[in-house]
Amino acid sequence: MREESAALIKDFIKYDKRVLFGCVILLIVILISILSLFSPYKPDASYVTQTEMPPSFKHLLGTNSLGQDIFWKATYAIRNSFLIGVIAGVLGVGAGTLVGLLAGYTGRTTDRVISSLTDTFIVVPSLPILILFGFILGGQMSILLIAALVAMFSWAIIARQVRAQALSLREREFTYTAIFSGMGIFKILFKEHLPFVTSYAIAQFINTLLSAIGAEVTLAIFGLSNLQMPTLGTMIYWSNRYQAVLRGIWWWFLTPVTAAIVIFIGLYMLSTGISEFLDPRTRLQRIKIMMR
């Protein structure tokens, strides 16, 4: 089993370098997030260094007008933005997978009710509601709240896709065998059906993570999140607030923008690579290539 898994991962990376690039970016993000734990400065500390210093050996990415070391500030920002994405991904994918499996397996009234609910959430525009919450809360949206709101609007799409697969799985012979053996509904869902949708759930987790980071950046740029919490979005907000580009403090603005772009590209390439790898049509093409 281990040898088959290792061969699958090797084949995965060999035939799609986008996945390798995405994994490298993801690993860098995780390492930077861990590095924030060793920062010599507190995340909300100000005027702890000289202001507006350009990048140097002492301050790798320079300092800003608030007397903050941008490198260490960026480690906190990347960690918090990534944390928002991870929480949103876990909540959204977890709820969507469970609801989709339940709807597809049970059918009838339960399926109709859940399908109506998912269709309602799919058509509701998420960004205007996120902006509305930002106005109502007066810029006090926490990491958990932003993640929960993103998850609330992402689970429905995942549930619909998982339901489509569950409709097919419930007609398989192993499902009937599990029913005749006396397995309960949830045991069948988690033990028999969940392994078939896990790969899809991983791809959707990355998509949700990407959407959550994008939502956080958007809210922060408009000043609607907690601006005292270091994130990529709040770093961009404060650099604009102090007109960093116009005043020649380019390293203050460029650091969060570059980090956001690289993270977005890396996660997008990882997501598309996984989706194509799991597509049966591309899988057949890889088999044909290997047989040549």
Protein backbone atom coordinates (compact mmCIF):
# COMPACT_ATOMS: atom_id res chain seq x y z
CA MET A 1 0.00 0.00 0.00
CA ARG A 2 2.81 2.38 0.87
CA GLU A 3 4.65 1.56 -2.35
CA GLU A 4 1.52 2.26 -4.38
CA SER A 5 1.01 5.61 -2.61
CA ALA A 6 4.64 6.58 -3.17
CA ALA A 7 4.38 5.65 -6.86
CA LEU A 8 1.19 7.69 -7.18
CA ILE A 9 2.81 10.78 -5.66
CA LYS A 10 5.89 10.35 -7.84
CA ASP A 11 3.72 10.07 -10.95
CA PHE A 12 1.73 13.07 -9.74
CA ILE A 13 4.79 15.33 -9.56
CA LYS A 14 6.55 13.89 -12.62
CA TYR A 15 3.77 14.68 -15.07
CA ASP A 16 2.68 18.03 -13.66
CA LYS A 17 5.34 20.48 -12.51
CA ARG A 18 2.62 22.91 -11.43
CA VAL A 19 1.95 20.68 -8.46
CA LEU A 20 5.63 20.68 -7.53
CA PHE A 21 5.72 24.48 -7.71
CA GLY A 22 2.53 24.74 -5.67
CA CYS A 23 3.86 22.35 -3.02
CA VAL A 24 7.10 24.34 -2.76
CA ILE A 25 5.15 27.58 -2.25
CA LEU A 26 2.91 25.91 0.32
CA LEU A 27 5.95 24.59 2.20
CA ILE A 28 7.54 28.06 2.20
CA VAL A 29 4.33 29.59 3.57
CA ILE A 30 4.23 27.02 6.37
CA LEU A 31 7.90 27.62 7.24
CA ILE A 32 7.39 31.39 7.32
CA SER A 33 4.33 30.92 9.53
CA ILE A 34 6.41 28.86 11.95
CA LEU A 35 9.19 31.46 11.80
CA SER A 36 6.79 34.09 13.19
CA LEU A 37 6.88 32.22 16.50
CA PHE A 38 10.52 33.26 16.88
CA SER A 39 10.01 36.93 16.08
CA PRO A 40 11.84 39.34 18.43
CA TYR A 41 8.90 41.75 18.17
CA LYS A 42 5.28 41.44 19.20
CA PRO A 43 2.79 41.44 16.30
CA ASP A 44 1.22 44.77 17.31
CA ALA A 45 4.44 46.50 18.45
CA SER A 46 5.22 49.90 16.91
CA TYR A 47 8.29 52.15 16.90
CA VAL A 48 10.61 49.36 17.97
CA THR A 49 13.10 50.18 15.18
CA GLN A 50 14.13 53.19 13.14
CA THR A 51 11.45 54.30 10.74
CA GLU A 52 11.51 54.07 6.93
CA MET A 53 14.82 52.24 6.67
CA PRO A 54 15.50 50.55 3.30
CA PRO A 55 16.29 46.81 3.12
CA SER A 56 19.64 45.91 4.68
CA PHE A 57 21.38 43.08 6.52
CA LYS A 58 19.90 44.36 9.79
CA HIS A 59 16.39 44.71 8.36
CA LEU A 60 16.03 42.30 5.43
CA LEU A 61 12.91 43.96 4.03
CA GLY A 62 13.41 47.38 5.61
CA THR A 63 11.17 49.15 8.10
CA ASN A 64 8.00 51.18 7.71
CA SER A 65 6.73 54.53 8.97
CA LEU A 66 5.43 52.86 12.14
CA GLY A 67 8.89 51.70 13.20
CA GLN A 68 8.16 48.03 12.41
CA ASP A 69 10.51 45.51 10.83
CA ILE A 70 8.68 44.53 7.64
CA PHE A 71 10.22 41.06 7.45
CA TRP A 72 8.96 40.01 10.87
CA LYS A 73 5.68 41.82 10.29
CA ALA A 74 5.28 39.82 7.08
CA THR A 75 5.80 36.54 8.93
CA TYR A 76 2.87 37.38 11.21
CA ALA A 77 0.81 38.56 8.23
CA ILE A 78 1.39 35.41 6.17
CA ARG A 79 0.67 33.22 9.20
CA ASN A 80 -2.64 34.94 9.98
CA SER A 81 -3.80 35.04 6.35
CA PHE A 82 -2.88 31.39 5.92
CA LEU A 83 -4.66 30.52 9.18
CA ILE A 84 -7.84 32.18 7.93
CA GLY A 85 -7.65 30.06 4.78
CA VAL A 86 -7.00 26.82 6.67
CA ILE A 87 -9.91 27.36 9.09
CA ALA A 88 -12.25 28.28 6.24
CA GLY A 89 -11.11 25.23 4.27
CA VAL A 90 -11.62 22.84 7.17
CA LEU A 91 -15.07 24.22 8.01
CA GLY A 92 -16.30 24.60 4.43
CA VAL A 93 -14.96 21.34 3.03
CA GLY A 94 -15.87 19.37 6.15
CA ALA A 95 -19.47 20.61 6.17
CA GLY A 96 -19.88 20.39 2.39
CA THR A 97 -18.52 16.84 2.21
CA LEU A 98 -20.70 15.58 5.05
CA VAL A 99 -23.86 17.25 3.73
CA GLY A 100 -23.19 16.09 0.16
CA LEU A 101 -22.63 12.48 1.20
CA LEU A 102 -25.75 12.52 3.37
CA ALA A 103 -27.93 14.02 0.62
CA GLY A 104 -26.69 11.66 -2.06
CA TYR A 105 -27.02 8.53 0.06
CA THR A 106 -30.38 9.15 1.74
CA GLY A 107 -32.20 10.71 -1.24
CA ARG A 108 -35.91 11.51 -1.20
CA THR A 109 -37.04 14.26 1.20
CA THR A 110 -33.64 14.76 2.83
CA ASP A 111 -32.00 15.14 -0.57
CA ARG A 112 -34.61 17.63 -1.77
CA VAL A 113 -34.31 19.76 1.36
CA ILE A 114 -30.51 19.78 1.30
CA SER A 115 -30.43 20.45 -2.46
CA SER A 116 -32.75 23.44 -2.04
CA LEU A 117 -30.56 24.76 0.76
CA THR A 118 -27.35 24.36 -1.24
CA ASP A 119 -28.89 26.02 -4.30
CA THR A 120 -29.88 28.98 -2.11
CA PHE A 121 -26.37 29.46 -0.76
CA ILE A 122 -24.80 29.05 -4.22
CA VAL A 123 -26.75 31.94 -5.75
CA VAL A 124 -26.20 34.29 -2.80
CA PRO A 125 -23.27 36.67 -3.57
CA SER A 126 -20.69 36.25 -0.82
CA LEU A 127 -18.54 39.38 -1.22
CA PRO A 128 -21.35 41.95 -0.66
CA ILE A 129 -22.39 40.09 2.49
CA LEU A 130 -18.80 39.99 3.75
CA ILE A 131 -18.56 43.74 3.13
CA LEU A 132 -21.89 44.26 4.94
CA PHE A 133 -20.62 42.33 7.97
CA GLY A 134 -17.47 44.47 7.90
CA PHE A 135 -19.54 47.67 8.04
CA ILE A 136 -21.82 46.34 10.78
CA LEU A 137 -18.94 45.20 12.98
CA GLY A 138 -17.00 48.40 12.44
CA GLY A 139 -13.78 46.77 11.32
CA GLN A 140 -13.60 44.28 14.20
CA MET A 141 -13.79 41.07 12.18
CA SER A 142 -11.56 38.43 13.74
CA ILE A 143 -9.69 35.59 12.05
CA LEU A 144 -12.31 33.05 13.08
CA LEU A 145 -15.24 35.21 11.94
CA ILE A 146 -13.78 35.87 8.49
CA ALA A 147 -13.01 32.17 8.08
CA ALA A 148 -16.51 31.16 9.23
CA LEU A 149 -18.18 33.58 6.80
CA VAL A 150 -16.11 32.33 3.87
CA ALA A 151 -16.89 28.72 4.85
CA MET A 152 -20.59 29.55 5.06
CA PHE A 153 -20.64 30.46 1.37
CA SER A 154 -18.22 27.79 0.13
CA TRP A 155 -19.72 24.60 1.56
CA ALA A 156 -22.69 24.59 -0.83
CA ILE A 157 -20.66 24.18 -4.02
CA ILE A 158 -18.66 21.37 -2.42
CA ALA A 159 -21.85 19.70 -1.20
CA ARG A 160 -23.39 19.73 -4.67
CA GLN A 161 -20.33 18.10 -6.26
CA VAL A 162 -20.01 15.48 -3.52
CA ARG A 163 -23.73 14.70 -3.75
CA ALA A 164 -23.35 13.91 -7.45
CA GLN A 165 -20.66 11.36 -6.63
CA ALA A 166 -22.62 9.97 -3.68
CA LEU A 167 -25.63 9.28 -5.95
CA SER A 168 -23.42 6.95 -7.94
CA LEU A 169 -21.74 5.38 -4.91
CA ARG A 170 -25.01 4.36 -3.25
CA GLU A 171 -25.81 2.11 -6.25
CA ARG A 172 -22.50 0.21 -6.06
CA GLU A 173 -22.39 -3.39 -4.88
CA PHE A 174 -20.18 -2.63 -1.87
CA THR A 175 -22.84 -0.22 -0.58
CA TYR A 176 -25.52 -2.91 -0.73
CA THR A 177 -23.13 -5.32 0.96
CA ALA A 178 -22.54 -2.80 3.77
CA ILE A 179 -26.29 -2.33 4.22
CA PHE A 180 -26.96 -6.06 4.38
CA SER A 181 -24.16 -6.47 6.91
CA GLY A 182 -25.98 -4.10 9.27
CA MET A 183 -23.80 -0.97 8.95
CA GLY A 184 -25.39 2.31 10.04
CA ILE A 185 -25.75 5.30 7.73
CA PHE A 186 -22.83 7.30 9.07
CA LYS A 187 -20.55 4.28 9.19
CA ILE A 188 -21.30 3.64 5.52
CA LEU A 189 -20.69 7.29 4.65
CA PHE A 190 -17.36 7.58 6.47
CA LYS A 191 -15.99 4.10 5.92
CA GLU A 192 -17.28 3.22 2.45
CA HIS A 193 -18.03 6.46 0.60
CA LEU A 194 -15.66 9.06 2.08
CA PRO A 195 -12.47 7.51 0.59
CA PHE A 196 -13.93 7.98 -2.91
CA VAL A 197 -14.43 11.74 -2.47
CA THR A 198 -11.36 12.53 -0.35
CA SER A 199 -9.18 13.45 -3.34
CA TYR A 200 -11.85 15.87 -4.60
CA ALA A 201 -12.22 17.33 -1.09
CA ILE A 202 -8.46 18.04 -0.99
CA ALA A 203 -8.67 20.00 -4.24
CA GLN A 204 -11.67 21.97 -2.93
CA PHE A 205 -9.85 22.62 0.34
CA ILE A 206 -7.11 24.43 -1.58
CA ASN A 207 -9.72 26.40 -3.55
CA THR A 208 -11.44 27.46 -0.33
CA LEU A 209 -8.11 28.39 1.23
CA LEU A 210 -7.39 30.57 -1.79
CA SER A 211 -10.82 32.21 -1.66
CA ALA A 212 -10.49 32.94 2.06
CA ILE A 213 -7.13 34.66 1.65
CA GLY A 214 -8.55 36.69 -1.22
CA ALA A 215 -11.58 37.69 0.85
CA GLU A 216 -9.40 38.77 3.76
CA VAL A 217 -7.18 40.90 1.51
CA THR A 218 -10.24 42.52 -0.08
CA LEU A 219 -11.88 43.35 3.26
CA ALA A 220 -8.65 44.72 4.73
CA ILE A 221 -7.92 46.96 1.73
CA PHE A 222 -11.34 48.55 2.26
CA GLY A 223 -10.58 48.89 5.97
CA LEU A 224 -13.34 46.47 6.99
CA SER A 225 -11.34 43.88 8.93
CA ASN A 226 -9.43 44.22 12.19
CA LEU A 227 -6.68 46.59 11.03
CA GLN A 228 -4.58 45.97 14.14
CA MET A 229 -4.26 42.30 13.22
CA PRO A 230 -1.25 41.74 10.92
CA THR A 231 -2.35 40.11 7.68
CA LEU A 232 -1.38 40.57 4.05
CA GLY A 233 -4.44 42.72 3.57
CA THR A 234 -3.78 45.01 6.54
CA MET A 235 -0.13 45.43 5.49
CA ILE A 236 -1.34 46.66 2.10
CA TYR A 237 -3.90 48.92 3.80
CA TRP A 238 -1.39 50.64 6.07
CA SER A 239 1.16 51.06 3.28
CA ASN A 240 -1.52 52.80 1.22
CA ARG A 241 -2.66 54.82 4.23
CA TYR A 242 0.87 56.21 4.65
CA GLN A 243 1.30 56.62 0.85
CA ALA A 244 4.33 54.35 0.83
CA VAL A 245 4.66 54.23 -2.96
CA LEU A 246 4.44 58.02 -3.41
CA ARG A 247 6.97 58.59 -0.63
CA GLY A 248 9.44 56.10 -2.06
CA ILE A 249 8.99 53.45 0.65
CA TRP A 250 8.39 50.84 -2.04
CA TRP A 251 9.53 47.90 0.11
CA TRP A 252 6.60 48.43 2.50
CA PHE A 253 4.00 48.08 -0.26
CA LEU A 254 5.87 45.57 -2.42
CA THR A 255 6.38 42.96 0.32
CA PRO A 256 2.71 42.07 1.02
CA VAL A 257 1.69 42.48 -2.63
CA THR A 258 4.44 40.16 -3.84
CA ALA A 259 3.70 37.63 -1.09
CA ALA A 260 -0.02 37.64 -1.94
CA ILE A 261 0.63 37.20 -5.67
CA VAL A 262 3.09 34.34 -5.17
CA ILE A 263 0.75 32.57 -2.73
CA PHE A 264 -2.20 32.98 -5.09
CA ILE A 265 -0.25 31.64 -8.07
CA GLY A 266 1.17 28.73 -6.07
CA LEU A 267 -2.18 27.65 -4.61
CA TYR A 268 -3.94 28.09 -7.96
CA MET A 269 -1.40 25.93 -9.77
CA LEU A 270 -1.60 23.31 -7.02
CA SER A 271 -5.39 23.27 -7.20
CA THR A 272 -5.57 23.01 -11.01
CA GLY A 273 -2.84 20.37 -11.01
CA ILE A 274 -4.71 18.22 -8.49
CA SER A 275 -8.02 18.66 -10.35
CA GLU A 276 -6.53 17.58 -13.66
CA PHE A 277 -4.66 14.69 -12.07
CA LEU A 278 -7.92 13.37 -10.60
CA ASP A 279 -9.79 13.77 -13.91
CA PRO A 280 -10.30 10.28 -15.43
CA ARG A 281 -9.65 11.62 -18.94
CA THR A 282 -6.21 12.99 -18.10
CA ARG A 283 -5.48 9.82 -16.14
CA LEU A 284 -6.07 7.76 -19.30
CA GLN A 285 -3.74 10.06 -21.25
CA ARG A 286 -0.98 9.53 -18.66
CA ILE A 287 -1.41 5.76 -18.92
CA LYS A 288 -1.06 5.95 -22.70
CA ILE A 289 2.10 8.05 -22.37
CA MET A 290 3.61 5.60 -19.88
CA MET A 291 2.86 2.64 -22.18
CA ARG A 292 4.79 4.15 -25.09
